[in-house]
Amino acid sequence: MSIIVDAIATFWISLNTFNQNVFSRTVYDVEGINELNIDDWYLVIANHQSWVDILSLQRVFNKKIPFLKFFLKKNLIFVPFLGLAWWGLDFPFMQRYSKQFLKKHPHLKGKDLETTKKACKKFSYKPVSVMNFVEGTRYTPQKANKKATFNHLLSPKAGGVAFVLSAMKEQLTHIVDVTIYYPHGVPSFWDFASGKVSRIVVRVNTIRISKLFDDGTFSENYFTDDQQRATFQSWLNSQWKQKDKALADLRKEYQL
């Protein structure tokens, strides 16, 4: 059933792409997708600025990698209409317990990860791409000014990535690290839908996940070992520094 639903969603994206090609002049400047394979399992991470990010990623990766799915908080399944749609699209629902909650209910420690692993068993047999915006929210200059670690990004949060890697380490083969840039300013959904976005730049870097486990950058001890947590956060920060530089270079290239 999920294969049929994914096929329908893929067709819908293809139809939107066709319509945009006919009625819009948006140019997609994309690099780094030639080695991707629709039969592999991916964790996709990206900087986040607008709802247009999701639409752009769906278009760029359509038929290049498996249909993008988002890990959603378990209570979102009760959102009217959307919850049912997400369930139908096989979006994995997760339940993460806070440190405060676990202090009061220590017997539940590790149960959230165990539950998520069970929910992801279906992906053992069907390739999937799991999407995660690791900044946790959309970038704005106002948010960035509060903690100016990066010039064009918010600080990445390692917890969500670690949760996915731990839950799906047997399936996932690569992290697809995406940098999205809008040369003429961050567009709104209406800008995109009405064809006012002239160019979207996407740069893709692929990282083999087994390397992160082999060299000690990541392990399932992330959730219990402070040093392991610091090591992985440091690695993610270094990825974000490279992304920040890439965005600065793109701004120079487009003289903005």
Protein backbone atom coordinates (compact mmCIF):
# COMPACT_ATOMS: atom_id res chain seq x y z
CA MET A 1 0.00 0.00 0.00
CA SER A 2 2.76 2.48 0.96
CA ILE A 3 4.49 1.81 -2.37
CA ILE A 4 1.33 2.91 -4.19
CA VAL A 5 0.98 6.03 -2.02
CA ASP A 6 4.63 6.94 -2.62
CA ALA A 7 4.10 6.47 -6.36
CA ILE A 8 1.10 8.82 -6.26
CA ALA A 9 3.10 11.41 -4.29
CA THR A 10 6.00 11.12 -6.75
CA PHE A 11 3.62 11.61 -9.67
CA TRP A 12 2.17 14.68 -7.96
CA ILE A 13 5.65 16.18 -7.54
CA SER A 14 6.44 15.39 -11.19
CA LEU A 15 3.22 17.11 -12.25
CA ASN A 16 4.10 20.18 -10.18
CA THR A 17 7.55 20.20 -11.77
CA PHE A 18 6.03 20.07 -15.24
CA ASN A 19 3.66 22.93 -14.42
CA GLN A 20 6.51 24.99 -13.03
CA ASN A 21 8.61 24.36 -16.12
CA VAL A 22 5.74 25.59 -18.30
CA PHE A 23 4.52 28.56 -16.28
CA SER A 24 7.57 29.60 -14.25
CA ARG A 25 11.06 30.76 -15.16
CA THR A 26 12.71 29.48 -11.99
CA VAL A 27 16.19 28.17 -12.73
CA TYR A 28 17.56 25.38 -10.51
CA ASP A 29 21.34 25.45 -10.13
CA VAL A 30 22.07 22.00 -8.66
CA GLU A 31 25.37 20.22 -8.02
CA GLY A 32 26.24 16.94 -6.31
CA ILE A 33 23.27 14.66 -7.09
CA ASN A 34 24.76 12.47 -9.82
CA GLU A 35 25.91 9.73 -7.43
CA LEU A 36 22.56 9.40 -5.64
CA ASN A 37 20.50 6.25 -6.08
CA ILE A 38 16.77 5.75 -5.68
CA ASP A 39 17.44 2.26 -4.26
CA ASP A 40 19.51 3.50 -1.28
CA TRP A 41 18.53 4.62 2.23
CA TYR A 42 19.35 8.25 3.09
CA LEU A 43 19.23 10.74 5.94
CA VAL A 44 18.83 14.19 4.36
CA ILE A 45 19.85 17.29 6.35
CA ALA A 46 19.66 20.89 5.17
CA ASN A 47 19.65 24.52 6.24
CA HIS A 48 16.13 25.88 6.63
CA GLN A 49 14.86 29.33 5.61
CA SER A 50 11.37 28.95 4.11
CA TRP A 51 8.56 26.53 3.32
CA VAL A 52 9.97 26.75 -0.20
CA ASP A 53 12.90 24.64 1.04
CA ILE A 54 10.64 21.57 1.22
CA LEU A 55 9.17 22.14 -2.23
CA SER A 56 12.64 22.69 -3.69
CA LEU A 57 14.02 19.54 -2.08
CA GLN A 58 11.08 17.48 -3.32
CA ARG A 59 11.69 18.70 -6.85
CA VAL A 60 15.49 18.33 -6.84
CA PHE A 61 15.42 14.82 -5.35
CA ASN A 62 12.32 13.54 -7.15
CA LYS A 63 13.20 10.15 -8.73
CA LYS A 64 16.83 10.64 -7.58
CA ILE A 65 16.35 9.25 -4.08
CA PRO A 66 13.38 7.60 -2.32
CA PHE A 67 10.42 9.85 -1.47
CA LEU A 68 11.29 12.25 1.38
CA LYS A 69 9.73 11.46 4.75
CA PHE A 70 9.88 13.43 7.98
CA PHE A 71 10.16 12.08 11.52
CA LEU A 72 7.16 13.59 13.31
CA LYS A 73 6.27 13.90 16.97
CA LYS A 74 3.73 11.25 17.93
CA ASN A 75 1.03 13.74 18.97
CA LEU A 76 0.98 15.23 15.44
CA ILE A 77 -0.91 12.17 14.22
CA PHE A 78 -4.01 13.78 15.79
CA VAL A 79 -3.77 16.94 13.64
CA PRO A 80 -6.99 17.02 11.55
CA PHE A 81 -6.52 15.82 7.96
CA LEU A 82 -2.73 16.26 7.98
CA GLY A 83 -2.19 13.58 10.62
CA LEU A 84 -4.05 11.07 8.48
CA ALA A 85 -2.13 12.16 5.37
CA TRP A 86 1.22 11.78 7.15
CA TRP A 87 0.19 8.37 8.43
CA GLY A 88 -0.87 7.35 4.92
CA LEU A 89 2.48 8.49 3.53
CA ASP A 90 4.25 6.28 6.12
CA PHE A 91 5.91 9.21 7.89
CA PRO A 92 7.49 7.68 11.03
CA PHE A 93 6.08 9.00 14.29
CA MET A 94 8.45 9.20 17.23
CA GLN A 95 8.06 9.90 20.92
CA ARG A 96 11.08 11.43 22.62
CA TYR A 97 11.13 11.80 26.39
CA SER A 98 12.76 14.85 27.95
CA LYS A 99 15.41 14.58 30.67
CA GLN A 100 12.93 16.03 33.14
CA PHE A 101 10.32 13.40 32.24
CA LEU A 102 12.85 10.56 32.55
CA LYS A 103 13.91 11.76 36.00
CA LYS A 104 10.33 11.21 37.13
CA HIS A 105 9.89 7.99 35.11
CA PRO A 106 13.34 6.34 34.93
CA HIS A 107 11.82 2.98 33.92
CA LEU A 108 10.97 4.51 30.52
CA LYS A 109 14.59 5.32 29.66
CA GLY A 110 15.36 4.02 26.17
CA LYS A 111 11.72 3.16 25.44
CA ASP A 112 11.30 6.07 23.03
CA LEU A 113 14.18 4.83 20.87
CA GLU A 114 12.90 1.25 21.08
CA THR A 115 9.43 2.36 19.93
CA THR A 116 10.88 4.34 17.02
CA LYS A 117 12.99 1.37 15.93
CA LYS A 118 9.84 -0.75 15.76
CA ALA A 119 8.11 1.96 13.70
CA CYS A 120 11.04 1.96 11.27
CA LYS A 121 11.09 -1.81 10.69
CA LYS A 122 8.97 -1.32 7.57
CA PHE A 123 11.88 0.60 6.02
CA SER A 124 14.08 -2.50 6.20
CA TYR A 125 12.38 -3.72 3.05
CA LYS A 126 11.74 -0.46 1.20
CA PRO A 127 14.33 2.31 0.60
CA VAL A 128 13.52 5.61 2.28
CA SER A 129 14.87 9.14 2.64
CA VAL A 130 14.39 10.68 6.09
CA MET A 131 14.46 14.49 6.17
CA ASN A 132 15.72 16.51 9.13
CA PHE A 133 16.17 20.28 9.40
CA VAL A 134 18.82 20.21 12.11
CA GLU A 135 18.57 23.91 13.00
CA GLY A 136 15.16 23.12 14.47
CA THR A 137 13.51 26.23 13.02
CA ARG A 138 13.68 28.54 10.03
CA TYR A 139 16.64 30.91 9.82
CA THR A 140 16.01 34.63 10.21
CA PRO A 141 18.59 37.38 10.89
CA GLN A 142 16.76 38.17 14.13
CA LYS A 143 17.17 34.61 15.41
CA ALA A 144 20.79 34.51 14.26
CA ASN A 145 21.70 37.73 16.08
CA LYS A 146 20.83 36.16 19.42
CA LYS A 147 23.57 33.55 19.05
CA ALA A 148 25.89 34.62 16.26
CA THR A 149 27.96 31.42 15.98
CA PHE A 150 27.48 31.41 12.21
CA ASN A 151 26.99 34.22 9.71
CA HIS A 152 24.24 32.67 7.58
CA LEU A 153 22.95 29.78 9.69
CA LEU A 154 21.53 28.87 13.07
CA SER A 155 23.44 26.42 15.24
CA PRO A 156 22.70 22.76 14.40
CA LYS A 157 21.09 20.47 16.96
CA ALA A 158 22.57 16.99 16.99
CA GLY A 159 19.82 15.24 18.97
CA GLY A 160 17.41 14.66 16.09
CA VAL A 161 20.11 13.34 13.77
CA ALA A 162 21.44 11.07 16.52
CA PHE A 163 17.95 9.73 17.15
CA VAL A 164 17.47 8.82 13.47
CA LEU A 165 20.96 7.29 13.15
CA SER A 166 20.38 5.14 16.23
CA ALA A 167 16.90 4.05 15.19
CA MET A 168 17.85 3.22 11.58
CA LYS A 169 21.56 2.39 11.65
CA GLU A 170 20.95 -0.97 9.95
CA GLN A 171 19.16 0.68 7.02
CA LEU A 172 20.68 4.10 6.36
CA THR A 173 23.71 4.22 4.07
CA HIS A 174 24.45 7.94 3.60
CA ILE A 175 23.83 11.38 4.99
CA VAL A 176 22.89 13.80 2.21
CA ASP A 177 23.96 17.25 3.41
CA VAL A 178 22.14 19.94 1.41
CA THR A 179 22.89 23.66 1.19
CA ILE A 180 20.03 25.80 -0.16
CA TYR A 181 20.59 29.37 -1.30
CA TYR A 182 18.21 31.95 -2.77
CA PRO A 183 20.29 34.58 -4.65
CA HIS A 184 17.49 37.16 -4.71
CA GLY A 185 16.31 36.77 -1.13
CA VAL A 186 14.37 34.15 0.80
CA PRO A 187 11.02 33.66 -0.98
CA SER A 188 7.58 33.10 0.48
CA PHE A 189 5.38 30.23 -0.62
CA TRP A 190 3.34 32.68 -2.72
CA ASP A 191 6.51 33.98 -4.42
CA PHE A 192 7.31 30.41 -5.39
CA ALA A 193 3.79 29.47 -6.47
CA SER A 194 3.41 32.61 -8.59
CA GLY A 195 6.72 32.12 -10.40
CA LYS A 196 8.52 35.10 -8.84
CA VAL A 197 11.60 33.08 -7.79
CA SER A 198 14.17 33.44 -10.57
CA ARG A 199 16.88 31.09 -9.27
CA ILE A 200 17.36 28.47 -6.56
CA VAL A 201 20.85 27.15 -5.80
CA VAL A 202 21.27 23.68 -4.27
CA ARG A 203 24.59 22.08 -3.34
CA VAL A 204 24.71 18.46 -2.19
CA ASN A 205 27.43 16.65 -0.24
CA THR A 206 27.11 12.92 0.46
CA ILE A 207 28.65 11.30 3.56
CA ARG A 208 28.88 7.55 4.14
CA ILE A 209 27.31 6.77 7.52
CA SER A 210 29.44 3.69 8.20
CA LYS A 211 32.48 5.99 8.35
CA LEU A 212 30.95 7.90 11.27
CA PHE A 213 30.54 4.66 13.22
CA ASP A 214 33.95 3.29 12.21
CA ASP A 215 35.98 6.35 13.24
CA GLY A 216 34.08 6.91 16.50
CA THR A 217 32.33 10.10 15.42
CA PHE A 218 29.01 8.50 16.35
CA SER A 219 27.74 5.51 18.31
CA GLU A 220 24.56 4.56 20.14
CA ASN A 221 26.34 5.67 23.33
CA TYR A 222 25.43 9.21 22.25
CA PHE A 223 22.49 9.20 24.65
CA THR A 224 24.46 8.03 27.70
CA ASP A 225 28.04 9.24 27.12
CA ASP A 226 28.78 12.97 27.42
CA GLN A 227 32.06 12.63 25.51
CA GLN A 228 30.38 10.82 22.61
CA ARG A 229 27.69 13.48 22.53
CA ALA A 230 30.32 16.23 22.42
CA THR A 231 32.24 14.43 19.65
CA PHE A 232 29.22 14.12 17.41
CA GLN A 233 28.07 17.69 18.09
CA SER A 234 31.57 18.90 17.20
CA TRP A 235 31.43 16.99 13.91
CA LEU A 236 28.03 18.46 13.07
CA ASN A 237 29.29 21.95 13.93
CA SER A 238 32.20 21.44 11.51
CA GLN A 239 29.73 20.48 8.77
CA TRP A 240 27.81 23.66 9.48
CA LYS A 241 30.98 25.77 9.33
CA GLN A 242 31.60 24.39 5.84
CA LYS A 243 27.99 25.15 4.93
CA ASP A 244 28.32 28.69 6.30
CA LYS A 245 31.41 29.24 4.13
CA ALA A 246 29.62 27.79 1.09
CA LEU A 247 26.78 30.27 1.59
CA ALA A 248 29.27 33.13 1.95
CA ASP A 249 30.97 32.05 -1.29
CA LEU A 250 27.62 31.89 -3.08
CA ARG A 251 26.77 35.39 -1.90
CA LYS A 252 30.06 36.62 -3.36
CA GLU A 253 29.43 34.73 -6.58
CA TYR A 254 26.06 36.43 -6.96
CA GLN A 255 27.47 39.71 -5.55
CA LEU A 256 24.95 40.01 -2.74
